[in-house]
């Protein structure tokens, strides 16, 4: 392309509709009919979705039992067998949760009481940990408490840096279900703890090279679940799940639990079924219904205001 052709093309582009911003445009002008239809249709759709969610949520069976009163540890951890009566049939899979009332795991200090570098597999010096203050009061093995019972290689290494360190790891919920049997028949109900943590957590924690200085196995999925912060005042976390057995109505389960003495909170064991929306939680369904109702109410207000203004004219 020579210079004359280029200049001619350039002048043509300068005078084009695109350059002069003269392309035809469509600008929707909202009318009362259009707005009303949008609000009414949106409200109806949200209400229908909310009702469906509430119906599905209502089909979930959930039963909650407090066990720390019947099994209260005094000087040592206590092992107790607690009867749990299930009034309605529960179909597998059945999720087993524990709940600690007033634990407030979402406290800012508690959330920061860990070393992220340790969980990335990086070597962290004592000076860096002391300077950051992340592992205050739980920096050394001796500050963890009973650290050697989890890893005998740590005997006599109380002054070594704890892995993992920090109050968050130190307060790991150590109560455990030893066995679960049906009363009368004595049938053992298997509770699995495999694949109960998020896959992203399993992948992340598995990348950390486990050495002989760890006081707890961070590949324990219950530990992974504990380290994922709960946003609620009363954290509820997955303990395990029953995958192979249904529980019939009016069954009595004999659950043997080891109650750890140092965590003196209200402790609950919760059995729950689930569906595509997860566990029993009506909050989402109520939100949809309320938002749909607001949309319908807004449509009525728009119509009345519009008619009132036009009557005055």
Foldseek 3Di string as FASTA:
>chain_A
DDPVVVVVVVVVVCPDCVNVVNDDDDDDDDDLVNLLVVLQVLLVVLLVVLVVVVVQLVVKDKDKDWDCVVFPDDPFWTKFWDKDWFAAWFDPWKFKKKKFAQPPCVDPLNLQQWDVCLLQQHDDDPVRCVVVVSQPQWQFQLSLPPLCVQAVLCVPRRRDGEVTGGPLLSVQFDKAWPWKAWPPVRHTFDWDQPPQADPVLLVSNVNHDDDSRYSHRCNRRSSSQSSPGDNDSIDMTTRTIGGPDIDHGRIMMTIIMTGGNPRPGGMMMMIMDADPVGTNDSVSSVVSNVSSVVSNVVSVVSVVVVVVVVVVD
